[in-house]
Every structure is written in structure tokens, then in C-alpha cells.
Amino acid sequence: MNTTTDAATAQDQLARLADLLAATRRDPLQLGRLCDHARQASALQTALPPRYAPVLLDVVDRLESSALFSEESCSFSQKDLLDSLQLWVDKARGVLLGG
């Protein structure tokens, strides 16, 4: 693949991640799809600085753990974790767009 295609794929994966994040906020049953996509977004993870992938995967791990609890717990607040993922998406978008 060339660099232009890689960048477009990374942007597509980020856009899909943002869409799934919004869907998960509306319907928590979408969490599995969100986490699966985040883990499989290899072009996105490769296009960003190395520190981004471990942060993304950490948030995804914690989101998956939060699904084990039926109520919000102080350790696994799904809303806070989704907010953290939104912050990650916003920062990643800025990096990909050169800002």
C-alpha cells in the first residue's frame, strides 16, 4: 500500500470508530462492535505516533471490563471511559489532519 492509501484507510477507520462511539452512547449493546473495531483498526494505530495505540487498547480493555458490571462502579464508569475514548478520537483526528 502507498502512503496516501494508508492515510485514507486510517482516516476511514477513525471515522468508523467515531461513528461506533456515538452509536454506543445511544445503545450500550454496541460496545462489542466498538471494541472489536478499535482493536482491528491497524492502519489507524500505525498512522499515529506510537504512544496512541497502547492508550487506545487500554481504554478498550477497561470498556470491555465495564460491560461486566450492570451498574456504574467507581472503577469502571462506562460514561467516563466513553468520554476518554472521545478525547482519544479527537486527538487522533488532530494528528491525522496535521493539526
N, C-alpha and C. Protein backbone atom coordinates (compact mmCIF):
# COMPACT_ATOMS: atom_id res chain seq x y z
N MET A 1 0.84 -1.19 0.00
CA MET A 1 0.00 0.00 0.00
C MET A 1 0.87 1.25 0.00
N ASN A 2 0.33 2.29 -0.61
CA ASN A 2 1.11 3.52 -0.58
C ASN A 2 0.67 4.39 0.58
N THR A 3 1.43 5.42 0.80
CA THR A 3 1.19 6.28 1.96
C THR A 3 -0.16 6.98 1.89
N THR A 4 -0.57 7.41 0.69
CA THR A 4 -1.86 8.07 0.54
C THR A 4 -3.00 7.12 0.88
N THR A 5 -2.90 5.88 0.40
CA THR A 5 -3.93 4.88 0.70
C THR A 5 -3.95 4.56 2.18
N ASP A 6 -2.77 4.43 2.80
CA ASP A 6 -2.68 4.17 4.23
C ASP A 6 -3.35 5.28 5.03
N ALA A 7 -3.09 6.53 4.66
CA ALA A 7 -3.68 7.67 5.37
C ALA A 7 -5.20 7.67 5.21
N ALA A 8 -5.68 7.38 4.01
CA ALA A 8 -7.13 7.34 3.78
C ALA A 8 -7.76 6.21 4.59
N THR A 9 -7.11 5.06 4.64
CA THR A 9 -7.62 3.94 5.42
C THR A 9 -7.65 4.30 6.90
N ALA A 10 -6.60 4.94 7.39
CA ALA A 10 -6.55 5.36 8.80
C ALA A 10 -7.68 6.34 9.09
N GLN A 11 -7.91 7.28 8.20
CA GLN A 11 -9.00 8.24 8.40
C GLN A 11 -10.35 7.55 8.36
N ASP A 12 -10.51 6.58 7.46
CA ASP A 12 -11.76 5.81 7.40
C ASP A 12 -11.98 5.04 8.70
N GLN A 13 -10.92 4.43 9.21
CA GLN A 13 -11.03 3.67 10.46
C GLN A 13 -11.35 4.59 11.63
N LEU A 14 -10.78 5.78 11.63
CA LEU A 14 -11.08 6.74 12.70
C LEU A 14 -12.53 7.21 12.60
N ALA A 15 -13.00 7.47 11.39
CA ALA A 15 -14.39 7.90 11.20
C ALA A 15 -15.34 6.80 11.67
N ARG A 16 -15.04 5.55 11.35
CA ARG A 16 -15.87 4.43 11.78
C ARG A 16 -15.85 4.30 13.30
N LEU A 17 -14.68 4.50 13.90
CA LEU A 17 -14.57 4.45 15.36
C LEU A 17 -15.44 5.53 16.00
N ALA A 18 -15.40 6.72 15.45
CA ALA A 18 -16.22 7.82 15.96
C ALA A 18 -17.71 7.51 15.81
N ASP A 19 -18.09 6.92 14.67
CA ASP A 19 -19.48 6.54 14.46
C ASP A 19 -19.93 5.49 15.46
N LEU A 20 -19.08 4.48 15.69
CA LEU A 20 -19.42 3.43 16.64
C LEU A 20 -19.47 3.96 18.08
N LEU A 21 -18.62 4.92 18.37
CA LEU A 21 -18.65 5.55 19.70
C LEU A 21 -19.99 6.26 19.90
N ALA A 22 -20.42 7.00 18.91
CA ALA A 22 -21.72 7.69 19.01
C ALA A 22 -22.85 6.67 19.14
N ALA A 23 -22.77 5.59 18.38
CA ALA A 23 -23.80 4.55 18.44
C ALA A 23 -23.83 3.89 19.81
N THR A 24 -22.67 3.69 20.40
CA THR A 24 -22.58 3.06 21.72
C THR A 24 -23.15 3.97 22.79
N ARG A 25 -22.99 5.26 22.65
CA ARG A 25 -23.59 6.20 23.62
C ARG A 25 -25.12 6.10 23.58
N ARG A 26 -25.67 5.86 22.38
CA ARG A 26 -27.13 5.72 22.24
C ARG A 26 -27.61 4.33 22.65
N ASP A 27 -26.79 3.32 22.35
CA ASP A 27 -27.18 1.93 22.58
C ASP A 27 -25.97 1.16 23.12
N PRO A 28 -25.88 0.98 24.44
CA PRO A 28 -24.73 0.31 25.04
C PRO A 28 -24.48 -1.10 24.50
N LEU A 29 -25.47 -1.70 23.84
CA LEU A 29 -25.25 -3.03 23.26
C LEU A 29 -24.29 -3.00 22.08
N GLN A 30 -23.95 -1.80 21.61
CA GLN A 30 -22.99 -1.65 20.51
C GLN A 30 -21.54 -1.69 21.00
N LEU A 31 -21.35 -1.82 22.30
CA LEU A 31 -20.00 -1.77 22.87
C LEU A 31 -19.07 -2.81 22.26
N GLY A 32 -19.55 -4.01 22.05
CA GLY A 32 -18.72 -5.06 21.47
C GLY A 32 -18.22 -4.70 20.08
N ARG A 33 -19.09 -4.13 19.27
CA ARG A 33 -18.69 -3.71 17.92
C ARG A 33 -17.64 -2.60 18.00
N LEU A 34 -17.84 -1.67 18.92
CA LEU A 34 -16.88 -0.58 19.11
C LEU A 34 -15.51 -1.13 19.48
N CYS A 35 -15.48 -2.01 20.46
CA CYS A 35 -14.20 -2.57 20.93
C CYS A 35 -13.53 -3.40 19.85
N ASP A 36 -14.31 -4.21 19.14
CA ASP A 36 -13.74 -5.02 18.06
C ASP A 36 -13.11 -4.13 17.00
N HIS A 37 -13.82 -3.08 16.60
CA HIS A 37 -13.29 -2.19 15.57
C HIS A 37 -12.00 -1.51 16.06
N ALA A 38 -12.01 -1.03 17.29
CA ALA A 38 -10.83 -0.35 17.82
C ALA A 38 -9.61 -1.27 17.80
N ARG A 39 -9.80 -2.52 18.17
CA ARG A 39 -8.69 -3.47 18.18
C ARG A 39 -8.20 -3.80 16.78
N GLN A 40 -9.10 -3.81 15.81
CA GLN A 40 -8.75 -4.21 14.45
C GLN A 40 -8.33 -3.05 13.56
N ALA A 41 -8.36 -1.84 14.08
CA ALA A 41 -8.03 -0.65 13.29
C ALA A 41 -6.51 -0.49 13.18
N SER A 42 -5.87 -1.44 12.53
CA SER A 42 -4.40 -1.46 12.48
C SER A 42 -3.83 -0.30 11.66
N ALA A 43 -4.50 0.09 10.59
CA ALA A 43 -3.99 1.22 9.79
C ALA A 43 -4.02 2.49 10.62
N LEU A 44 -5.06 2.67 11.40
CA LEU A 44 -5.17 3.84 12.27
C LEU A 44 -4.07 3.83 13.32
N GLN A 45 -3.89 2.69 13.97
CA GLN A 45 -2.87 2.60 15.01
C GLN A 45 -1.47 2.83 14.44
N THR A 46 -1.23 2.37 13.22
CA THR A 46 0.08 2.53 12.58
C THR A 46 0.32 3.98 12.15
N ALA A 47 -0.74 4.66 11.73
CA ALA A 47 -0.61 6.03 11.23
C ALA A 47 -0.34 7.05 12.33
N LEU A 48 -0.65 6.69 13.56
CA LEU A 48 -0.49 7.62 14.69
C LEU A 48 0.85 7.41 15.38
N PRO A 49 1.30 8.38 16.16
CA PRO A 49 2.53 8.19 16.94
C PRO A 49 2.40 6.94 17.83
N PRO A 50 3.52 6.29 18.14
CA PRO A 50 3.49 5.02 18.87
C PRO A 50 2.75 5.05 20.20
N ARG A 51 2.68 6.17 20.86
CA ARG A 51 2.02 6.22 22.18
C ARG A 51 0.51 6.09 22.08
N TYR A 52 -0.06 6.30 20.91
CA TYR A 52 -1.52 6.27 20.77
C TYR A 52 -2.12 4.87 20.88
N ALA A 53 -1.50 3.88 20.27
CA ALA A 53 -2.06 2.52 20.27
C ALA A 53 -2.23 1.97 21.69
N PRO A 54 -1.20 2.04 22.56
CA PRO A 54 -1.40 1.49 23.91
C PRO A 54 -2.50 2.20 24.69
N VAL A 55 -2.66 3.49 24.48
CA VAL A 55 -3.72 4.24 25.17
C VAL A 55 -5.08 3.76 24.67
N LEU A 56 -5.22 3.63 23.36
CA LEU A 56 -6.48 3.14 22.80
C LEU A 56 -6.82 1.76 23.35
N LEU A 57 -5.86 0.87 23.32
CA LEU A 57 -6.11 -0.50 23.76
C LEU A 57 -6.40 -0.57 25.26
N ASP A 58 -5.80 0.31 26.04
CA ASP A 58 -6.08 0.37 27.47
C ASP A 58 -7.54 0.80 27.72
N VAL A 59 -7.97 1.82 27.00
CA VAL A 59 -9.35 2.28 27.16
C VAL A 59 -10.31 1.17 26.72
N VAL A 60 -9.99 0.49 25.63
CA VAL A 60 -10.84 -0.60 25.15
C VAL A 60 -10.90 -1.72 26.19
N ASP A 61 -9.76 -2.08 26.76
CA ASP A 61 -9.75 -3.11 27.81
C ASP A 61 -10.67 -2.72 28.97
N ARG A 62 -10.57 -1.47 29.38
CA ARG A 62 -11.40 -1.02 30.50
C ARG A 62 -12.88 -0.94 30.13
N LEU A 63 -13.17 -0.58 28.87
CA LEU A 63 -14.57 -0.58 28.41
C LEU A 63 -15.14 -1.99 28.43
N GLU A 64 -14.36 -2.95 27.97
CA GLU A 64 -14.82 -4.33 27.99
C GLU A 64 -15.05 -4.80 29.42
N SER A 65 -14.18 -4.40 30.32
CA SER A 65 -14.37 -4.75 31.74
C SER A 65 -15.61 -4.08 32.30
N SER A 66 -15.89 -2.86 31.86
CA SER A 66 -17.06 -2.14 32.37
C SER A 66 -18.35 -2.86 31.99
N ALA A 67 -18.31 -3.58 30.90
CA ALA A 67 -19.51 -4.31 30.45
C ALA A 67 -19.88 -5.44 31.39
N LEU A 68 -18.94 -5.84 32.24
CA LEU A 68 -19.20 -6.92 33.19
C LEU A 68 -20.06 -6.46 34.38
N PHE A 69 -20.18 -5.14 34.52
CA PHE A 69 -20.93 -4.59 35.64
C PHE A 69 -22.26 -4.05 35.14
N SER A 70 -23.33 -4.38 35.85
CA SER A 70 -24.64 -3.91 35.44
C SER A 70 -24.88 -2.46 35.85
N GLU A 71 -24.22 -2.00 36.86
CA GLU A 71 -24.35 -0.62 37.33
C GLU A 71 -23.00 0.07 37.17
N GLU A 72 -23.04 1.39 37.18
CA GLU A 72 -21.79 2.14 37.16
C GLU A 72 -21.02 1.85 38.44
N SER A 73 -19.77 1.55 38.32
CA SER A 73 -18.94 1.37 39.51
C SER A 73 -17.88 2.45 39.48
N CYS A 74 -17.32 2.78 40.60
CA CYS A 74 -16.35 3.86 40.63
C CYS A 74 -15.11 3.50 39.82
N SER A 75 -14.81 2.22 39.66
CA SER A 75 -13.64 1.80 38.91
C SER A 75 -13.91 1.70 37.42
N PHE A 76 -15.15 1.46 37.04
CA PHE A 76 -15.46 1.19 35.64
C PHE A 76 -16.66 2.01 35.17
N SER A 77 -16.59 3.30 35.27
CA SER A 77 -17.67 4.15 34.78
C SER A 77 -17.63 4.15 33.25
N GLN A 78 -18.62 3.49 32.65
CA GLN A 78 -18.66 3.39 31.20
C GLN A 78 -18.75 4.78 30.56
N LYS A 79 -19.53 5.67 31.16
CA LYS A 79 -19.63 7.02 30.61
C LYS A 79 -18.27 7.71 30.59
N ASP A 80 -17.54 7.62 31.69
CA ASP A 80 -16.20 8.24 31.74
C ASP A 80 -15.25 7.61 30.73
N LEU A 81 -15.35 6.30 30.57
CA LEU A 81 -14.49 5.62 29.60
C LEU A 81 -14.85 6.01 28.17
N LEU A 82 -16.13 6.15 27.88
CA LEU A 82 -16.54 6.62 26.56
C LEU A 82 -16.07 8.06 26.34
N ASP A 83 -16.10 8.87 27.38
CA ASP A 83 -15.58 10.23 27.29
C ASP A 83 -14.08 10.21 27.01
N SER A 84 -13.36 9.29 27.64
CA SER A 84 -11.91 9.15 27.40
C SER A 84 -11.65 8.73 25.97
N LEU A 85 -12.46 7.82 25.46
CA LEU A 85 -12.30 7.39 24.08
C LEU A 85 -12.61 8.53 23.12
N GLN A 86 -13.60 9.36 23.45
CA GLN A 86 -13.90 10.52 22.61
C GLN A 86 -12.72 11.48 22.58
N LEU A 87 -12.10 11.70 23.71
CA LEU A 87 -10.91 12.55 23.76
C LEU A 87 -9.81 11.97 22.88
N TRP A 88 -9.60 10.65 22.96
CA TRP A 88 -8.60 9.98 22.13
C TRP A 88 -8.92 10.18 20.65
N VAL A 89 -10.18 10.00 20.27
CA VAL A 89 -10.61 10.18 18.88
C VAL A 89 -10.32 11.61 18.43
N ASP A 90 -10.65 12.57 19.26
CA ASP A 90 -10.43 13.98 18.91
C ASP A 90 -8.94 14.28 18.71
N LYS A 91 -8.11 13.77 19.60
CA LYS A 91 -6.66 13.99 19.48
C LYS A 91 -6.10 13.27 18.26
N ALA A 92 -6.57 12.05 18.02
CA ALA A 92 -6.11 11.28 16.86
C ALA A 92 -6.49 12.00 15.57
N ARG A 93 -7.70 12.54 15.54
CA ARG A 93 -8.15 13.29 14.35
C ARG A 93 -7.22 14.47 14.11
N GLY A 94 -6.87 15.17 15.17
CA GLY A 94 -5.96 16.31 15.02
C GLY A 94 -4.61 15.90 14.47
N VAL A 95 -4.09 14.77 14.91
CA VAL A 95 -2.80 14.27 14.41
C VAL A 95 -2.92 13.89 12.94
N LEU A 96 -3.98 13.16 12.60
CA LEU A 96 -4.14 12.72 11.21
C LEU A 96 -4.34 13.88 10.25
N LEU A 97 -5.00 14.93 10.73
CA LEU A 97 -5.25 16.09 9.89
C LEU A 97 -4.10 17.10 9.92
N GLY A 98 -3.06 16.74 10.68
CA GLY A 98 -1.88 17.59 10.72
C GLY A 98 -1.97 18.78 11.65
N GLY A 99 -2.95 18.71 12.57
CA GLY A 99 -3.15 19.86 13.46
C GLY A 99 -2.71 19.55 14.77
